[in-house]
Protein backbone atom coordinates (compact mmCIF):
# COMPACT_ATOMS: atom_id res chain seq x y z
CA UNK A 1 184.57 40.32 63.91
CA UNK A 2 188.16 39.18 63.75
CA UNK A 3 190.53 40.74 66.20
CA UNK A 4 193.62 42.13 64.53
CA UNK A 5 196.28 39.47 65.21
CA UNK A 6 199.71 40.14 66.54
CA UNK A 7 201.75 40.85 63.41
CA UNK A 8 205.23 39.69 62.59
CA UNK A 9 206.50 43.24 62.45
CA UNK A 10 210.10 42.10 62.79
CA UNK A 11 210.41 39.11 60.45
CA UNK A 12 214.15 38.79 60.99
CA UNK A 13 213.57 38.25 64.71
CA UNK A 14 210.97 35.63 63.87
CA UNK A 15 213.35 33.92 61.44
CA UNK A 16 216.12 33.94 64.02
CA UNK A 17 213.85 32.30 66.57
CA UNK A 18 213.09 29.60 64.02
CA UNK A 19 216.71 28.55 64.21
CA UNK A 20 215.90 26.69 67.39
CA UNK A 21 212.68 25.18 66.15
CA UNK A 22 213.32 21.71 64.82
CA UNK A 23 216.52 20.16 66.09
CA UNK A 24 217.06 16.74 64.55
CA UNK A 25 213.41 15.88 63.88
CA UNK A 26 213.22 13.55 60.87
CA UNK A 27 210.76 14.77 58.22
CA UNK A 28 207.89 12.41 57.38
CA UNK A 29 205.63 12.18 54.35
CA UNK A 30 201.93 12.90 54.88
CA UNK A 31 199.06 10.84 53.48
CA UNK A 32 196.81 13.32 51.68
CA UNK A 33 194.15 10.84 50.56
CA UNK A 34 190.83 12.66 50.31
CA UNK A 35 192.27 15.99 49.17
CA UNK A 36 191.99 17.06 45.53
CA UNK A 37 195.19 17.16 43.50
CA UNK A 38 196.79 20.56 43.06
CA UNK A 39 198.65 21.66 39.91
CA UNK A 40 202.25 20.50 39.62
CA UNK A 41 203.61 24.02 40.06
CA UNK A 42 203.76 25.08 43.69
CA UNK A 43 201.18 27.71 44.58
CA UNK A 44 202.40 30.95 46.16
CA UNK A 45 199.30 31.42 48.32
CA UNK A 46 197.25 28.94 50.32
CA UNK A 47 194.74 27.57 47.80
CA UNK A 48 192.43 26.37 50.57
CA UNK A 49 192.17 29.57 52.59
CA UNK A 50 188.63 30.14 51.38
CA UNK A 51 187.61 26.48 51.39
CA UNK A 52 184.30 25.42 52.90
CA UNK A 53 182.56 22.19 53.87
CA UNK A 54 184.20 18.83 53.26
CA UNK A 55 187.32 20.32 51.66
CA UNK A 56 188.04 22.63 54.58
CA UNK A 57 187.57 19.93 57.20
CA UNK A 58 189.63 17.40 55.25
CA UNK A 59 192.46 19.91 54.82
CA UNK A 60 192.42 20.69 58.55
CA UNK A 61 192.27 17.00 59.48
CA UNK A 62 195.18 16.02 57.24
CA UNK A 63 197.09 19.17 58.09
CA UNK A 64 196.72 18.42 61.79
CA UNK A 65 198.17 14.94 61.31
CA UNK A 66 201.03 16.35 59.24
CA UNK A 67 201.74 19.01 61.82
CA UNK A 68 201.75 16.54 64.71
CA UNK A 69 204.17 14.20 62.94
CA UNK A 70 206.56 16.88 61.67
CA UNK A 71 206.18 20.09 63.65
CA UNK A 72 204.58 19.59 67.07
CA UNK A 73 207.76 18.37 68.73
CA UNK A 74 209.15 21.89 68.54
CA UNK A 75 206.18 24.14 67.82
CA UNK A 76 203.84 22.46 70.32
CA UNK A 77 200.64 20.43 70.17
CA UNK A 78 197.77 22.35 68.57
CA UNK A 79 200.54 24.73 67.35
CA UNK A 80 200.71 26.27 70.84
CA UNK A 81 204.40 26.97 71.36
CA UNK A 82 205.99 26.43 74.74
CA UNK A 83 208.26 29.41 74.11
CA UNK A 84 211.39 27.92 72.54
CA UNK A 85 210.05 27.86 68.97
CA UNK A 86 207.85 30.50 67.32
CA UNK A 87 204.12 30.28 67.86
CA UNK A 88 203.00 29.66 64.30
CA UNK A 89 199.40 30.57 65.08
CA UNK A 90 200.51 34.20 64.73
CA UNK A 91 201.92 33.74 61.23
CA UNK A 92 199.66 35.98 59.19
CA UNK A 93 197.15 34.33 56.87
CA UNK A 94 198.10 36.41 53.85
CA UNK A 95 200.58 36.54 50.99
CA UNK A 96 203.45 37.63 53.27
CA UNK A 97 202.83 34.79 55.70
CA UNK A 98 202.50 32.26 52.89
CA UNK A 99 205.78 33.38 51.31
CA UNK A 100 207.67 33.05 54.59
CA UNK A 101 206.04 29.72 55.42
CA UNK A 102 206.74 28.24 51.99
CA UNK A 103 210.40 29.24 52.07
CA UNK A 104 210.99 27.69 55.49
CA UNK A 105 209.05 24.50 54.78
CA UNK A 106 210.65 23.84 51.41
CA UNK A 107 214.21 24.92 52.14
CA UNK A 108 214.57 24.57 55.89
CA UNK A 109 217.01 26.63 57.93
CA UNK A 110 220.64 26.27 58.91
CA UNK A 111 222.70 28.15 61.47
CA UNK A 112 226.49 27.94 61.61
CA UNK A 113 226.36 24.80 59.48
CA UNK A 114 223.85 23.04 61.72
CA UNK A 115 220.39 22.11 60.43
CA UNK A 116 217.87 23.71 62.76
CA UNK A 117 214.88 23.10 60.52
CA UNK A 118 215.11 20.37 57.86
CA UNK A 119 213.93 21.01 54.31
CA UNK A 120 210.67 19.31 53.36
CA UNK A 121 210.78 19.99 49.63
CA UNK A 122 211.39 16.34 48.72
CA UNK A 123 209.25 14.97 51.55
CA UNK A 124 205.91 16.77 51.49
CA UNK A 125 203.61 17.01 48.51
CA UNK A 126 202.08 20.36 47.67
CA UNK A 127 198.78 19.10 49.06
CA UNK A 128 200.45 18.28 52.39
CA UNK A 129 202.29 21.61 52.54
CA UNK A 130 199.08 23.60 52.20
CA UNK A 131 197.03 21.30 54.41
CA UNK A 132 199.48 21.95 57.25
CA UNK A 133 199.30 25.66 56.53
CA UNK A 134 195.50 25.52 56.63
CA UNK A 135 195.58 23.69 59.95
CA UNK A 136 197.97 26.22 61.50
CA UNK A 137 196.14 29.34 60.38
CA UNK A 138 192.70 28.11 61.49
CA UNK A 139 193.75 27.43 65.10
CA UNK A 140 191.41 29.25 67.50
CA UNK A 141 192.62 31.33 70.41
CA UNK A 142 193.19 28.61 73.02
CA UNK A 143 193.09 31.07 75.92
CA UNK A 144 189.64 32.28 74.90
CA UNK A 145 188.44 28.70 74.60
CA UNK A 146 189.76 27.83 78.06
CA UNK A 147 187.65 30.64 79.48
CA UNK A 148 184.56 28.95 78.03
CA UNK A 149 185.21 25.43 79.38
CA UNK A 150 181.83 25.28 81.11
CA UNK A 151 179.99 26.14 77.88
CA UNK A 152 182.05 23.62 75.92
CA UNK A 153 181.43 20.95 78.55
CA UNK A 154 177.69 21.54 78.27
CA UNK A 155 177.89 21.14 74.50
CA UNK A 156 179.94 17.97 74.90
CA UNK A 157 177.29 16.53 77.21
CA UNK A 158 174.54 17.34 74.70
CA UNK A 159 176.45 15.49 71.99
CA UNK A 160 177.08 12.56 74.32
CA UNK A 161 173.35 12.32 75.10
CA UNK A 162 172.35 12.02 71.44
CA UNK A 163 171.01 8.52 70.74
CA UNK A 164 171.98 6.72 67.55
CA UNK A 165 168.32 7.00 66.56
CA UNK A 166 168.20 10.79 66.91
CA UNK A 167 166.30 12.53 64.13
CA UNK A 168 168.01 14.74 61.57
CA UNK A 169 166.37 17.76 63.22
CA UNK A 170 167.73 16.83 66.66
CA UNK A 171 171.21 16.32 65.26
CA UNK A 172 171.13 19.59 63.33
CA UNK A 173 170.06 21.53 66.42
CA UNK A 174 173.12 20.32 68.31
CA UNK A 175 175.45 20.72 65.33
CA UNK A 176 174.25 24.28 64.76
CA UNK A 177 175.02 25.20 68.38
CA UNK A 178 178.46 23.62 68.08
CA UNK A 179 179.14 25.71 64.98
CA UNK A 180 177.76 28.86 66.59
CA UNK A 181 180.02 28.54 69.62
CA UNK A 182 183.04 27.47 67.58
CA UNK A 183 182.69 30.44 65.26
CA UNK A 184 182.85 32.81 68.22
CA UNK A 185 186.54 32.04 68.72
CA UNK A 186 188.97 34.08 66.67
CA UNK A 187 192.12 32.97 64.93
CA UNK A 188 195.44 34.57 65.80
CA UNK A 189 196.52 34.58 62.14
CA UNK A 190 193.72 36.74 60.79
CA UNK A 191 192.36 33.80 58.77
CA UNK A 192 188.70 34.17 57.77
CA UNK A 193 187.53 31.54 60.25
CA UNK A 194 188.73 29.26 62.99
CA UNK A 195 188.27 25.49 62.93
CA UNK A 196 188.22 23.84 66.33
CA UNK A 197 187.04 20.49 67.64
CA UNK A 198 183.59 22.07 67.97
CA UNK A 199 183.15 22.66 64.24
CA UNK A 200 184.80 19.33 63.47
CA UNK A 201 182.35 17.58 65.80
CA UNK A 202 179.44 19.36 64.13
CA UNK A 203 180.65 18.28 60.71
CA UNK A 204 180.98 14.69 61.92
CA UNK A 205 177.53 14.68 63.50
CA UNK A 206 175.94 15.77 60.24
CA UNK A 207 177.16 12.53 58.65
CA UNK A 208 174.99 10.57 61.09
CA UNK A 209 173.88 10.45 64.73
CA UNK A 210 175.81 7.20 65.13
CA UNK A 211 178.96 9.30 65.09
CA UNK A 212 178.02 11.05 68.34
CA UNK A 213 180.58 9.03 70.39
CA UNK A 214 183.40 10.11 68.04
CA UNK A 215 182.19 13.71 68.15
CA UNK A 216 182.07 13.51 71.95
CA UNK A 217 185.67 12.32 72.06
CA UNK A 218 186.75 15.18 69.81
CA UNK A 219 185.28 17.74 72.19
CA UNK A 220 186.62 15.89 75.24
CA UNK A 221 190.10 16.17 73.76
CA UNK A 222 189.61 19.91 73.49
CA UNK A 223 188.68 20.08 77.18
CA UNK A 224 191.80 18.13 78.13
CA UNK A 225 194.10 20.62 76.43
């Protein structure tokens, strides 16, 4: 069951806080290779909110790269704000949140003539815009994950111990447990599911046991956060 996320009950306060979010960060284009093309007209709601399988994981992967190159400097790695800029994990995964997000991303924000958030309208493709949105809204509750470090470490060690010759059944057993644990962590946005390094590692493992070292590194990165 999803916990009801903290809502943006005072959007003007949230918008005002965004004034300090970006400074002079230079916008960068995002490579969206691997994502399907979207219609030319900009969507008004996240078209990948209900995505599953390869599409979901590709959107999160590309969105994470786009976020890190354009947003993390101010909004924090893994979208965990240090306090100066808004914590975008709380931006509601619904029509209201999408409308606010789209306006800020496309048009930016100025205060007293100074650009506090640059516009990305001519920088990011629609696919990149919504991939970043998908990444943000699927972030799990990092505090809850930190409380389960011992469980996550045990899962990491199981992945690390998988030989390249592991059978499909052995791989699936580990991947299923990764998914099970990952799905226990809620989003803060109210999105239908979270996507953490655990689910990403499970998805990677299912492409072959030889990817166990890469999956191990994914989970190790989660433990370092």
